[in-house]
Every structure is written in structure tokens, then in C-alpha cells.
Amino acid sequence: RSGLISRVGDDARGGRLLRWLEEAHVDTRGVSRDPHAATGLVRVELREDGPAYEIAVPVAWDCLEAEDGALDLARGARVLVLGTLAQRQPASRSAIRALLAAGRAAGAKVVVDLNL
């Protein structure tokens, strides 16, 4: 079983993403919709010397909140996997810390994907 904690915009991209995740049987209780910020977008350009990335800012995941569904998933997780990129804004950084605290208190292991 897997679940996702994130935030998407209240836009077509966010709706498509949520439908795709649900069709893949991913628990989306931890995904909230943002009425103001767009769903995250990363443009990738494939070059001979390696890929180049343009990460849109600000986007919905920059406004992540530790809402009830997300906290429930964190508390029920055996492993929490997080990336560092989502912590670039104070609001999402604070929410991630709260979610990690809830998961750790319930015995979850934490794995970090460093985006350097």
C-alpha cells in the first residue's frame, strides 16, 4: 500500500494527477487542493551534456499544510519518504516537520531524497 502527501492546484493538471493516482490505487487522503496556487510543474530539456530543469515557483506544493488526512497517513506509515525540494518555502517546511514528527511518534522510518 502507498499514499501520497502533497498539494495540487484546483486546476486541470491537479485533477488529472489525482485521477491517475486513484486509478493506480494510491491513497490520496493526504493530497489537498489549493484554490490559489497552480499544480507544480517542472520543464525538462534533454541536452547532450545532461538534462536541464526549470522548476515553476510558487506552486501548490509550496503551500503544503499538515491537514488531517495527511497526518493520518503519516501516523499510519511504516516508512515516510520525502524530498528536500518541497521544503523551500516556510509553510511547506513547517508542515513537513509536523508530518515527520507525527510519523516518527508512531514508529515510522524516514528516508530522504536529497535534491541538491
PDB file of N, CA and C in Angstrom:
ATOM      1  N   ARG A   1       0.837  -1.187   0.000  1.00  0.00           N
ATOM      2  CA  ARG A   1       0.000   0.000   0.000  1.00  0.00           C
ATOM      3  C   ARG A   1       0.869   1.232   0.000  1.00  0.00           C
ATOM      4  N   SER A   2       0.412   2.264  -0.668  1.00  0.00           N
ATOM      5  CA  SER A   2       1.149   3.517  -0.683  1.00  0.00           C
ATOM      6  C   SER A   2       0.171   4.686  -0.618  1.00  0.00           C
ATOM      7  N   GLY A   3       0.682   5.792  -0.129  1.00  0.00           N
ATOM      8  CA  GLY A   3      -0.108   7.012  -0.055  1.00  0.00           C
ATOM      9  C   GLY A   3       0.772   8.186  -0.394  1.00  0.00           C
ATOM     10  N   LEU A   4       0.151   9.280  -0.759  1.00  0.00           N
ATOM     11  CA  LEU A   4       0.885  10.478  -1.118  1.00  0.00           C
ATOM     12  C   LEU A   4       0.402  11.643  -0.276  1.00  0.00           C
ATOM     13  N   ILE A   5       1.347  12.406   0.250  1.00  0.00           N
ATOM     14  CA  ILE A   5       1.051  13.647   0.951  1.00  0.00           C
ATOM     15  C   ILE A   5       1.618  14.763   0.095  1.00  0.00           C
ATOM     16  N   SER A   6       0.744  15.615  -0.410  1.00  0.00           N
ATOM     17  CA  SER A   6       1.176  16.712  -1.255  1.00  0.00           C
ATOM     18  C   SER A   6       0.041  17.714  -1.370  1.00  0.00           C
ATOM     19  N   ARG A   7       0.212  18.674  -2.268  1.00  0.00           N
ATOM     20  CA  ARG A   7      -0.814  19.669  -2.526  1.00  0.00           C
ATOM     21  C   ARG A   7      -0.776  19.978  -4.020  1.00  0.00           C
ATOM     22  N   VAL A   8      -1.938  19.974  -4.635  1.00  0.00           N
ATOM     23  CA  VAL A   8      -2.066  20.296  -6.051  1.00  0.00           C
ATOM     24  C   VAL A   8      -2.996  21.486  -6.198  1.00  0.00           C
ATOM     25  N   GLY A   9      -2.915  22.124  -7.334  1.00  0.00           N
ATOM     26  CA  GLY A   9      -3.801  23.238  -7.594  1.00  0.00           C
ATOM     27  C   GLY A   9      -5.209  22.756  -7.891  1.00  0.00           C
ATOM     28  N   ASP A  10      -6.143  23.661  -7.770  1.00  0.00           N
ATOM     29  CA  ASP A  10      -7.526  23.367  -8.140  1.00  0.00           C
ATOM     30  C   ASP A  10      -7.652  23.657  -9.634  1.00  0.00           C
ATOM     31  N   ASP A  11      -6.892  22.906 -10.419  1.00  0.00           N
ATOM     32  CA  ASP A  11      -6.802  23.128 -11.859  1.00  0.00           C
ATOM     33  C   ASP A  11      -6.857  21.783 -12.577  1.00  0.00           C
ATOM     34  N   ALA A  12      -6.850  21.838 -13.905  1.00  0.00           N
ATOM     35  CA  ALA A  12      -6.965  20.608 -14.701  1.00  0.00           C
ATOM     36  C   ALA A  12      -5.809  19.652 -14.444  1.00  0.00           C
ATOM     37  N   ARG A  13      -4.566  20.163 -14.338  1.00  0.00           N
ATOM     38  CA  ARG A  13      -3.409  19.291 -14.074  1.00  0.00           C
ATOM     39  C   ARG A  13      -3.564  18.571 -12.752  1.00  0.00           C
ATOM     40  N   GLY A  14      -4.030  19.304 -11.721  1.00  0.00           N
ATOM     41  CA  GLY A  14      -4.228  18.678 -10.419  1.00  0.00           C
ATOM     42  C   GLY A  14      -5.298  17.603 -10.464  1.00  0.00           C
ATOM     43  N   GLY A  15      -6.381  17.868 -11.185  1.00  0.00           N
ATOM     44  CA  GLY A  15      -7.446  16.870 -11.325  1.00  0.00           C
ATOM     45  C   GLY A  15      -6.971  15.624 -12.042  1.00  0.00           C
ATOM     46  N   ARG A  16      -6.200  15.814 -13.118  1.00  0.00           N
ATOM     47  CA  ARG A  16      -5.656  14.657 -13.852  1.00  0.00           C
ATOM     48  C   ARG A  16      -4.723  13.839 -12.966  1.00  0.00           C
ATOM     49  N   LEU A  17      -3.888  14.516 -12.220  1.00  0.00           N
ATOM     50  CA  LEU A  17      -2.952  13.814 -11.351  1.00  0.00           C
ATOM     51  C   LEU A  17      -3.688  12.996 -10.290  1.00  0.00           C
ATOM     52  N   LEU A  18      -4.687  13.606  -9.660  1.00  0.00           N
ATOM     53  CA  LEU A  18      -5.450  12.881  -8.639  1.00  0.00           C
ATOM     54  C   LEU A  18      -6.166  11.667  -9.230  1.00  0.00           C
ATOM     55  N   ARG A  19      -6.760  11.801 -10.411  1.00  0.00           N
ATOM     56  CA  ARG A  19      -7.424  10.657 -11.056  1.00  0.00           C
ATOM     57  C   ARG A  19      -6.420   9.550 -11.354  1.00  0.00           C
ATOM     58  N   TRP A  20      -5.237   9.921 -11.868  1.00  0.00           N
ATOM     59  CA  TRP A  20      -4.217   8.934 -12.189  1.00  0.00           C
ATOM     60  C   TRP A  20      -3.767   8.186 -10.924  1.00  0.00           C
ATOM     61  N   LEU A  21      -3.545   8.934  -9.847  1.00  0.00           N
ATOM     62  CA  LEU A  21      -3.121   8.298  -8.594  1.00  0.00           C
ATOM     63  C   LEU A  21      -4.195   7.345  -8.068  1.00  0.00           C
ATOM     64  N   GLU A  22      -5.453   7.777  -8.104  1.00  0.00           N
ATOM     65  CA  GLU A  22      -6.538   6.922  -7.627  1.00  0.00           C
ATOM     66  C   GLU A  22      -6.682   5.673  -8.480  1.00  0.00           C
ATOM     67  N   GLU A  23      -6.515   5.804  -9.799  1.00  0.00           N
ATOM     68  CA  GLU A  23      -6.556   4.636 -10.679  1.00  0.00           C
ATOM     69  C   GLU A  23      -5.414   3.675 -10.373  1.00  0.00           C
ATOM     70  N   ALA A  24      -4.293   4.216  -9.887  1.00  0.00           N
ATOM     71  CA  ALA A  24      -3.135   3.390  -9.517  1.00  0.00           C
ATOM     72  C   ALA A  24      -3.245   2.886  -8.077  1.00  0.00           C
ATOM     73  N   HIS A  25      -4.380   3.143  -7.427  1.00  0.00           N
ATOM     74  CA  HIS A  25      -4.657   2.691  -6.058  1.00  0.00           C
ATOM     75  C   HIS A  25      -3.719   3.301  -5.025  1.00  0.00           C
ATOM     76  N   VAL A  26      -3.308   4.548  -5.265  1.00  0.00           N
ATOM     77  CA  VAL A  26      -2.519   5.301  -4.290  1.00  0.00           C
ATOM     78  C   VAL A  26      -3.500   6.053  -3.394  1.00  0.00           C
ATOM     79  N   ASP A  27      -3.311   5.962  -2.093  1.00  0.00           N
ATOM     80  CA  ASP A  27      -4.166   6.664  -1.137  1.00  0.00           C
ATOM     81  C   ASP A  27      -3.899   8.166  -1.251  1.00  0.00           C
ATOM     82  N   THR A  28      -4.905   8.925  -1.611  1.00  0.00           N
ATOM     83  CA  THR A  28      -4.742  10.365  -1.824  1.00  0.00           C
ATOM     84  C   THR A  28      -5.380  11.207  -0.711  1.00  0.00           C
ATOM     85  N   ARG A  29      -5.672  10.594   0.427  1.00  0.00           N
ATOM     86  CA  ARG A  29      -6.230  11.384   1.543  1.00  0.00           C
ATOM     87  C   ARG A  29      -5.308  12.526   1.957  1.00  0.00           C
ATOM     88  N   GLY A  30      -4.026  12.380   1.706  1.00  0.00           N
ATOM     89  CA  GLY A  30      -3.051  13.387   2.108  1.00  0.00           C
ATOM     90  C   GLY A  30      -2.786  14.449   1.047  1.00  0.00           C
ATOM     91  N   VAL A  31      -3.531  14.420  -0.048  1.00  0.00           N
ATOM     92  CA  VAL A  31      -3.349  15.412  -1.107  1.00  0.00           C
ATOM     93  C   VAL A  31      -4.473  16.442  -1.002  1.00  0.00           C
ATOM     94  N   SER A  32      -4.086  17.678  -0.768  1.00  0.00           N
ATOM     95  CA  SER A  32      -5.088  18.745  -0.678  1.00  0.00           C
ATOM     96  C   SER A  32      -5.075  19.568  -1.962  1.00  0.00           C
ATOM     97  N   ARG A  33      -6.166  20.312  -2.182  1.00  0.00           N
ATOM     98  CA  ARG A  33      -6.298  21.169  -3.364  1.00  0.00           C
ATOM     99  C   ARG A  33      -6.117  22.621  -2.939  1.00  0.00           C
ATOM    100  N   ASP A  34      -5.337  23.349  -3.682  1.00  0.00           N
ATOM    101  CA  ASP A  34      -5.091  24.763  -3.391  1.00  0.00           C
ATOM    102  C   ASP A  34      -5.909  25.619  -4.355  1.00  0.00           C
ATOM    103  N   PRO A  35      -6.780  26.488  -3.843  1.00  0.00           N
ATOM    104  CA  PRO A  35      -7.614  27.305  -4.728  1.00  0.00           C
ATOM    105  C   PRO A  35      -6.868  28.455  -5.402  1.00  0.00           C
ATOM    106  N   HIS A  36      -5.647  28.738  -4.959  1.00  0.00           N
ATOM    107  CA  HIS A  36      -4.920  29.899  -5.475  1.00  0.00           C
ATOM    108  C   HIS A  36      -3.662  29.535  -6.268  1.00  0.00           C
ATOM    109  N   ALA A  37      -2.914  28.549  -5.830  1.00  0.00           N
ATOM    110  CA  ALA A  37      -1.650  28.195  -6.476  1.00  0.00           C
ATOM    111  C   ALA A  37      -1.867  27.056  -7.473  1.00  0.00           C
ATOM    112  N   ALA A  38      -1.105  27.072  -8.548  1.00  0.00           N
ATOM    113  CA  ALA A  38      -1.202  26.043  -9.590  1.00  0.00           C
ATOM    114  C   ALA A  38      -0.504  24.755  -9.158  1.00  0.00           C
ATOM    115  N   THR A  39      -0.883  23.671  -9.807  1.00  0.00           N
ATOM    116  CA  THR A  39      -0.199  22.397  -9.610  1.00  0.00           C
ATOM    117  C   THR A  39       1.247  22.544 -10.085  1.00  0.00           C
ATOM    118  N   GLY A  40       2.164  21.945  -9.339  1.00  0.00           N
ATOM    119  CA  GLY A  40       3.587  22.042  -9.657  1.00  0.00           C
ATOM    120  C   GLY A  40       3.907  21.571 -11.066  1.00  0.00           C
ATOM    121  N   LEU A  41       4.914  22.186 -11.625  1.00  0.00           N
ATOM    122  CA  LEU A  41       5.323  21.875 -12.985  1.00  0.00           C
ATOM    123  C   LEU A  41       6.841  21.995 -13.082  1.00  0.00           C
ATOM    124  N   VAL A  42       7.454  21.003 -13.696  1.00  0.00           N
ATOM    125  CA  VAL A  42       8.894  21.041 -13.957  1.00  0.00           C
ATOM    126  C   VAL A  42       9.085  20.812 -15.451  1.00  0.00           C
ATOM    127  N   ARG A  43       9.755  21.752 -16.092  1.00  0.00           N
ATOM    128  CA  ARG A  43      10.092  21.601 -17.510  1.00  0.00           C
ATOM    129  C   ARG A  43      11.491  21.001 -17.589  1.00  0.00           C
ATOM    130  N   VAL A  44      11.614  19.971 -18.410  1.00  0.00           N
ATOM    131  CA  VAL A  44      12.897  19.285 -18.564  1.00  0.00           C
ATOM    132  C   VAL A  44      13.351  19.418 -20.006  1.00  0.00           C
ATOM    133  N   GLU A  45      14.586  19.874 -20.179  1.00  0.00           N
ATOM    134  CA  GLU A  45      15.190  19.954 -21.505  1.00  0.00           C
ATOM    135  C   GLU A  45      16.320  18.938 -21.551  1.00  0.00           C
ATOM    136  N   LEU A  46      16.224  18.018 -22.496  1.00  0.00           N
ATOM    137  CA  LEU A  46      17.259  16.995 -22.635  1.00  0.00           C
ATOM    138  C   LEU A  46      18.362  17.552 -23.522  1.00  0.00           C
ATOM    139  N   ARG A  47      19.567  17.605 -22.963  1.00  0.00           N
ATOM    140  CA  ARG A  47      20.730  18.143 -23.670  1.00  0.00           C
ATOM    141  C   ARG A  47      21.795  17.056 -23.769  1.00  0.00           C
ATOM    142  N   GLU A  48      22.759  17.299 -24.640  1.00  0.00           N
ATOM    143  CA  GLU A  48      23.858  16.339 -24.772  1.00  0.00           C
ATOM    144  C   GLU A  48      24.666  16.234 -23.490  1.00  0.00           C
ATOM    145  N   ASP A  49      24.792  17.356 -22.751  1.00  0.00           N
ATOM    146  CA  ASP A  49      25.579  17.352 -21.512  1.00  0.00           C
ATOM    147  C   ASP A  49      24.735  16.991 -20.286  1.00  0.00           C
ATOM    148  N   GLY A  50      23.518  16.560 -20.495  1.00  0.00           N
ATOM    149  CA  GLY A  50      22.644  16.164 -19.400  1.00  0.00           C
ATOM    150  C   GLY A  50      21.388  17.014 -19.348  1.00  0.00           C
ATOM    151  N   PRO A  51      20.403  16.578 -18.603  1.00  0.00           N
ATOM    152  CA  PRO A  51      19.132  17.306 -18.566  1.00  0.00           C
ATOM    153  C   PRO A  51      19.249  18.644 -17.819  1.00  0.00           C
ATOM    154  N   ALA A  52      18.416  19.596 -18.225  1.00  0.00           N
ATOM    155  CA  ALA A  52      18.293  20.879 -17.537  1.00  0.00           C
ATOM    156  C   ALA A  52      16.856  20.992 -17.049  1.00  0.00           C
ATOM    157  N   TYR A  53      16.686  21.490 -15.838  1.00  0.00           N
ATOM    158  CA  TYR A  53      15.368  21.559 -15.213  1.00  0.00           C
ATOM    159  C   TYR A  53      14.982  23.000 -14.924  1.00  0.00           C
ATOM    160  N   GLU A  54      13.712  23.322 -15.175  1.00  0.00           N
ATOM    161  CA  GLU A  54      13.147  24.606 -14.777  1.00  0.00           C
ATOM    162  C   GLU A  54      11.938  24.291 -13.900  1.00  0.00           C
ATOM    163  N   ILE A  55      12.050  24.604 -12.614  1.00  0.00           N
ATOM    164  CA  ILE A  55      11.007  24.275 -11.641  1.00  0.00           C
ATOM    165  C   ILE A  55      10.167  25.519 -11.404  1.00  0.00           C
ATOM    166  N   ALA A  56       8.869  25.428 -11.696  1.00  0.00           N
ATOM    167  CA  ALA A  56       7.966  26.568 -11.528  1.00  0.00           C
ATOM    168  C   ALA A  56       7.831  26.925 -10.049  1.00  0.00           C
ATOM    169  N   VAL A  57       7.775  28.217  -9.753  1.00  0.00           N
ATOM    170  CA  VAL A  57       7.557  28.721  -8.399  1.00  0.00           C
ATOM    171  C   VAL A  57       6.694  29.966  -8.466  1.00  0.00           C
ATOM    172  N   PRO A  58       5.879  30.237  -7.492  1.00  0.00           N
ATOM    173  CA  PRO A  58       5.411  29.318  -6.461  1.00  0.00           C
ATOM    174  C   PRO A  58       4.308  28.421  -7.012  1.00  0.00           C
ATOM    175  N   VAL A  59       4.168  27.263  -6.443  1.00  0.00           N
ATOM    176  CA  VAL A  59       3.139  26.300  -6.839  1.00  0.00           C
ATOM    177  C   VAL A  59       2.486  25.727  -5.587  1.00  0.00           C
ATOM    178  N   ALA A  60       1.468  24.901  -5.791  1.00  0.00           N
ATOM    179  CA  ALA A  60       0.668  24.395  -4.676  1.00  0.00           C
ATOM    180  C   ALA A  60       1.497  23.656  -3.629  1.00  0.00           C
ATOM    181  N   TRP A  61       2.488  22.880  -4.057  1.00  0.00           N
ATOM    182  CA  TRP A  61       3.253  22.120  -3.046  1.00  0.00           C
ATOM    183  C   TRP A  61       4.069  23.044  -2.145  1.00  0.00           C
ATOM    184  N   ASP A  62       4.284  24.284  -2.555  1.00  0.00           N
ATOM    185  CA  ASP A  62       4.956  25.261  -1.698  1.00  0.00           C
ATOM    186  C   ASP A  62       4.044  25.726  -0.563  1.00  0.00           C
ATOM    187  N   CYS A  63       2.769  25.398  -0.643  1.00  0.00           N
ATOM    188  CA  CYS A  63       1.767  25.806   0.352  1.00  0.00           C
ATOM    189  C   CYS A  63       1.240  24.600   1.116  1.00  0.00           C
ATOM    190  N   LEU A  64       2.009  23.529   1.176  1.00  0.00           N
ATOM    191  CA  LEU A  64       1.592  22.300   1.855  1.00  0.00           C
ATOM    192  C   LEU A  64       1.177  22.594   3.286  1.00  0.00           C
ATOM    193  N   GLU A  65       0.097  21.946   3.729  1.00  0.00           N
ATOM    194  CA  GLU A  65      -0.374  22.063   5.107  1.00  0.00           C
ATOM    195  C   GLU A  65      -0.471  20.677   5.724  1.00  0.00           C
ATOM    196  N   ALA A  66      -0.265  20.592   7.015  1.00  0.00           N
ATOM    197  CA  ALA A  66      -0.386  19.305   7.731  1.00  0.00           C
ATOM    198  C   ALA A  66      -1.849  19.119   8.125  1.00  0.00           C
ATOM    199  N   GLU A  67      -2.675  18.798   7.134  1.00  0.00           N
ATOM    200  CA  GLU A  67      -4.105  18.628   7.359  1.00  0.00           C
ATOM    201  C   GLU A  67      -4.383  17.227   7.895  1.00  0.00           C
ATOM    202  N   ASP A  68      -5.630  16.995   8.346  1.00  0.00           N
ATOM    203  CA  ASP A  68      -5.986  15.738   8.995  1.00  0.00           C
ATOM    204  C   ASP A  68      -5.668  14.501   8.162  1.00  0.00           C
ATOM    205  N   GLY A  69      -6.024  14.511   6.860  1.00  0.00           N
ATOM    206  CA  GLY A  69      -5.752  13.347   6.008  1.00  0.00           C
ATOM    207  C   GLY A  69      -4.272  13.050   5.909  1.00  0.00           C
ATOM    208  N   ALA A  70      -3.466  14.092   5.789  1.00  0.00           N
ATOM    209  CA  ALA A  70      -2.016  13.927   5.704  1.00  0.00           C
ATOM    210  C   ALA A  70      -1.454  13.403   7.021  1.00  0.00           C
ATOM    211  N   LEU A  71      -1.920  13.962   8.123  1.00  0.00           N
ATOM    212  CA  LEU A  71      -1.457  13.492   9.436  1.00  0.00           C
ATOM    213  C   LEU A  71      -1.845  12.038   9.669  1.00  0.00           C
ATOM    214  N   ASP A  72      -3.053  11.642   9.241  1.00  0.00           N
ATOM    215  CA  ASP A  72      -3.477  10.239   9.370  1.00  0.00           C
ATOM    216  C   ASP A  72      -2.545   9.322   8.585  1.00  0.00           C
ATOM    217  N   LEU A  73      -2.201   9.718   7.358  1.00  0.00           N
ATOM    218  CA  LEU A  73      -1.277   8.902   6.563  1.00  0.00           C
ATOM    219  C   LEU A  73       0.093   8.819   7.224  1.00  0.00           C
ATOM    220  N   ALA A  74       0.595   9.941   7.725  1.00  0.00           N
ATOM    221  CA  ALA A  74       1.907   9.952   8.373  1.00  0.00           C
ATOM    222  C   ALA A  74       1.919   9.041   9.596  1.00  0.00           C
ATOM    223  N   ARG A  75       0.863   9.103  10.384  1.00  0.00           N
ATOM    224  CA  ARG A  75       0.783   8.274  11.604  1.00  0.00           C
ATOM    225  C   ARG A  75       0.666   6.785  11.284  1.00  0.00           C
ATOM    226  N   GLY A  76       0.091   6.463  10.124  1.00  0.00           N
ATOM    227  CA  GLY A  76      -0.092   5.063   9.746  1.00  0.00           C
ATOM    228  C   GLY A  76       1.022   4.494   8.890  1.00  0.00           C
ATOM    229  N   ALA A  77       1.997   5.321   8.557  1.00  0.00           N
ATOM    230  CA  ALA A  77       3.066   4.876   7.653  1.00  0.00           C
ATOM    231  C   ALA A  77       4.125   4.053   8.379  1.00  0.00           C
ATOM    232  N   ARG A  78       4.657   3.067   7.689  1.00  0.00           N
ATOM    233  CA  ARG A  78       5.822   2.352   8.197  1.00  0.00           C
ATOM    234  C   ARG A  78       7.093   3.073   7.767  1.00  0.00           C
ATOM    235  N   VAL A  79       7.028   3.711   6.573  1.00  0.00           N
ATOM    236  CA  VAL A  79       8.158   4.475   6.043  1.00  0.00           C
ATOM    237  C   VAL A  79       7.622   5.769   5.435  1.00  0.00           C
ATOM    238  N   LEU A  80       8.272   6.877   5.763  1.00  0.00           N
ATOM    239  CA  LEU A  80       7.970   8.164   5.145  1.00  0.00           C
ATOM    240  C   LEU A  80       9.140   8.533   4.250  1.00  0.00           C
ATOM    241  N   VAL A  81       8.862   8.832   2.995  1.00  0.00           N
ATOM    242  CA  VAL A  81       9.895   9.227   2.041  1.00  0.00           C
ATOM    243  C   VAL A  81       9.619  10.669   1.651  1.00  0.00           C
ATOM    244  N   LEU A  82      10.639  11.529   1.788  1.00  0.00           N
ATOM    245  CA  LEU A  82      10.439  12.924   1.438  1.00  0.00           C
ATOM    246  C   LEU A  82      11.610  13.445   0.648  1.00  0.00           C
ATOM    247  N   GLY A  83      11.312  14.452  -0.159  1.00  0.00           N
ATOM    248  CA  GLY A  83      12.350  15.152  -0.904  1.00  0.00           C
ATOM    249  C   GLY A  83      12.636  16.474  -0.229  1.00  0.00           C
ATOM    250  N   THR A  84      13.783  17.013  -0.484  1.00  0.00           N
ATOM    251  CA  THR A  84      14.147  18.279   0.142  1.00  0.00           C
ATOM    252  C   THR A  84      13.579  19.474  -0.615  1.00  0.00           C
ATOM    253  N   LEU A  85      13.277  19.320  -1.894  1.00  0.00           N
ATOM    254  CA  LEU A  85      12.787  20.431  -2.706  1.00  0.00           C
ATOM    255  C   LEU A  85      11.493  21.024  -2.150  1.00  0.00           C
ATOM    256  N   ALA A  86      10.629  20.212  -1.624  1.00  0.00           N
ATOM    257  CA  ALA A  86       9.345  20.692  -1.091  1.00  0.00           C
ATOM    258  C   ALA A  86       9.507  21.554   0.160  1.00  0.00           C
ATOM    259  N   GLN A  87      10.705  21.615   0.697  1.00  0.00           N
ATOM    260  CA  GLN A  87      10.925  22.405   1.913  1.00  0.00           C
ATOM    261  C   GLN A  87      11.460  23.806   1.626  1.00  0.00           C
ATOM    262  N   ARG A  88      11.400  24.253   0.385  1.00  0.00           N
ATOM    263  CA  ARG A  88      11.985  25.549   0.023  1.00  0.00           C
ATOM    264  C   ARG A  88      11.184  26.742   0.530  1.00  0.00           C
ATOM    265  N   GLN A  89       9.926  26.537   0.894  1.00  0.00           N
ATOM    266  CA  GLN A  89       9.099  27.623   1.436  1.00  0.00           C
ATOM    267  C   GLN A  89       8.796  27.344   2.912  1.00  0.00           C
ATOM    268  N   PRO A  90       8.719  28.387   3.747  1.00  0.00           N
ATOM    269  CA  PRO A  90       8.486  28.195   5.178  1.00  0.00           C
ATOM    270  C   PRO A  90       7.207  27.415   5.501  1.00  0.00           C
ATOM    271  N   ALA A  91       6.119  27.668   4.786  1.00  0.00           N
ATOM    272  CA  ALA A  91       4.854  26.985   5.089  1.00  0.00           C
ATOM    273  C   ALA A  91       4.978  25.481   4.879  1.00  0.00           C
ATOM    274  N   SER A  92       5.503  25.070   3.732  1.00  0.00           N
ATOM    275  CA  SER A  92       5.625  23.641   3.466  1.00  0.00           C
ATOM    276  C   SER A  92       6.689  22.997   4.355  1.00  0.00           C
ATOM    277  N   ARG A  93       7.758  23.716   4.647  1.00  0.00           N
ATOM    278  CA  ARG A  93       8.797  23.194   5.543  1.00  0.00           C
ATOM    279  C   ARG A  93       8.207  22.900   6.928  1.00  0.00           C
ATOM    280  N   SER A  94       7.383  23.816   7.433  1.00  0.00           N
ATOM    281  CA  SER A  94       6.731  23.629   8.733  1.00  0.00           C
ATOM    282  C   SER A  94       5.772  22.437   8.704  1.00  0.00           C
ATOM    283  N   ALA A  95       5.011  22.317   7.626  1.00  0.00           N
ATOM    284  CA  ALA A  95       4.076  21.190   7.505  1.00  0.00           C
ATOM    285  C   ALA A  95       4.832  19.867   7.456  1.00  0.00           C
ATOM    286  N   ILE A  96       5.924  19.812   6.710  1.00  0.00           N
ATOM    287  CA  ILE A  96       6.714  18.579   6.605  1.00  0.00           C
ATOM    288  C   ILE A  96       7.287  18.201   7.966  1.00  0.00           C
ATOM    289  N   ARG A  97       7.750  19.162   8.707  1.00  0.00           N
ATOM    290  CA  ARG A  97       8.268  18.861  10.057  1.00  0.00           C
ATOM    291  C   ARG A  97       7.173  18.300  10.953  1.00  0.00           C
ATOM    292  N   ALA A  98       5.965  18.854  10.874  1.00  0.00           N
ATOM    293  CA  ALA A  98       4.847  18.337  11.673  1.00  0.00           C
ATOM    294  C   ALA A  98       4.480  16.922  11.246  1.00  0.00           C
ATOM    295  N   LEU A  99       4.475  16.667   9.942  1.00  0.00           N
ATOM    296  CA  LEU A  99       4.161  15.334   9.436  1.00  0.00           C
ATOM    297  C   LEU A  99       5.225  14.320   9.836  1.00  0.00           C
ATOM    298  N   LEU A 100       6.490  14.720   9.769  1.00  0.00           N
ATOM    299  CA  LEU A 100       7.570  13.831  10.206  1.00  0.00           C
ATOM    300  C   LEU A 100       7.466  13.520  11.691  1.00  0.00           C
ATOM    301  N   ALA A 101       7.158  14.530  12.495  1.00  0.00           N
ATOM    302  CA  ALA A 101       7.011  14.311  13.943  1.00  0.00           C
ATOM    303  C   ALA A 101       5.883  13.329  14.222  1.00  0.00           C
ATOM    304  N   ALA A 102       4.772  13.477  13.520  1.00  0.00           N
ATOM    305  CA  ALA A 102       3.636  12.561  13.717  1.00  0.00           C
ATOM    306  C   ALA A 102       4.008  11.140  13.309  1.00  0.00           C
ATOM    307  N   GLY A 103       4.687  11.007  12.164  1.00  0.00           N
ATOM    308  CA  GLY A 103       5.087   9.680  11.704  1.00  0.00           C
ATOM    309  C   GLY A 103       6.106   9.029  12.613  1.00  0.00           C
ATOM    310  N   ARG A 104       7.107   9.791  13.011  1.00  0.00           N
ATOM    311  CA  ARG A 104       8.139   9.241  13.910  1.00  0.00           C
ATOM    312  C   ARG A 104       7.548   8.822  15.254  1.00  0.00           C
ATOM    313  N   ALA A 105       6.628   9.615  15.777  1.00  0.00           N
ATOM    314  CA  ALA A 105       5.993   9.270  17.058  1.00  0.00           C
ATOM    315  C   ALA A 105       5.234   7.949  16.951  1.00  0.00           C
ATOM    316  N   ALA A 106       4.759   7.631  15.749  1.00  0.00           N
ATOM    317  CA  ALA A 106       4.044   6.374  15.523  1.00  0.00           C
ATOM    318  C   ALA A 106       4.975   5.247  15.087  1.00  0.00           C
ATOM    319  N   GLY A 107       6.291   5.521  15.027  1.00  0.00           N
ATOM    320  CA  GLY A 107       7.274   4.478  14.724  1.00  0.00           C
ATOM    321  C   GLY A 107       7.717   4.390  13.272  1.00  0.00           C
ATOM    322  N   ALA A 108       7.363   5.350  12.448  1.00  0.00           N
ATOM    323  CA  ALA A 108       7.754   5.297  11.034  1.00  0.00           C
ATOM    324  C   ALA A 108       9.249   5.573  10.867  1.00  0.00           C
ATOM    325  N   LYS A 109       9.848   4.907   9.916  1.00  0.00           N
ATOM    326  CA  LYS A 109      11.217   5.198   9.496  1.00  0.00           C
ATOM    327  C   LYS A 109      11.138   6.338   8.477  1.00  0.00           C
ATOM    328  N   VAL A 110      12.215   7.106   8.347  1.00  0.00           N
ATOM    329  CA  VAL A 110      12.238   8.239   7.413  1.00  0.00           C
ATOM    330  C   VAL A 110      13.381   8.057   6.422  1.00  0.00           C
ATOM    331  N   VAL A 111      13.065   8.253   5.147  1.00  0.00           N
ATOM    332  CA  VAL A 111      14.051   8.219   4.066  1.00  0.00           C
ATOM    333  C   VAL A 111      13.982   9.572   3.376  1.00  0.00           C
ATOM    334  N   VAL A 112      15.144  10.163   3.117  1.00  0.00           N
ATOM    335  CA  VAL A 112      15.195  11.483   2.500  1.00  0.00           C
ATOM    336  C   VAL A 112      15.877  11.376   1.139  1.00  0.00           C
ATOM    337  N   ASP A 113      15.201  11.913   0.110  1.00  0.00           N
ATOM    338  CA  ASP A 113      15.748  12.020  -1.230  1.00  0.00           C
ATOM    339  C   ASP A 113      16.320  13.430  -1.365  1.00  0.00           C
ATOM    340  N   LEU A 114      17.637  13.541  -1.313  1.00  0.00           N
ATOM    341  CA  LEU A 114      18.280  14.854  -1.333  1.00  0.00           C
ATOM    342  C   LEU A 114      18.264  15.436  -2.743  1.00  0.00           C
ATOM    343  N   ASN A 115      17.661  16.602  -2.885  1.00  0.00           N
ATOM    344  CA  ASN A 115      17.643  17.322  -4.152  1.00  0.00           C
ATOM    345  C   ASN A 115      18.680  18.439  -4.050  1.00  0.00           C
ATOM    346  N   LEU A 116      19.913  18.133  -4.364  1.00  0.00           N
ATOM    347  CA  LEU A 116      20.987  19.113  -4.239  1.00  0.00           C
ATOM    348  C   LEU A 116      21.249  19.793  -5.563  1.00  0.00           C
TER     349      LEU A 116
END
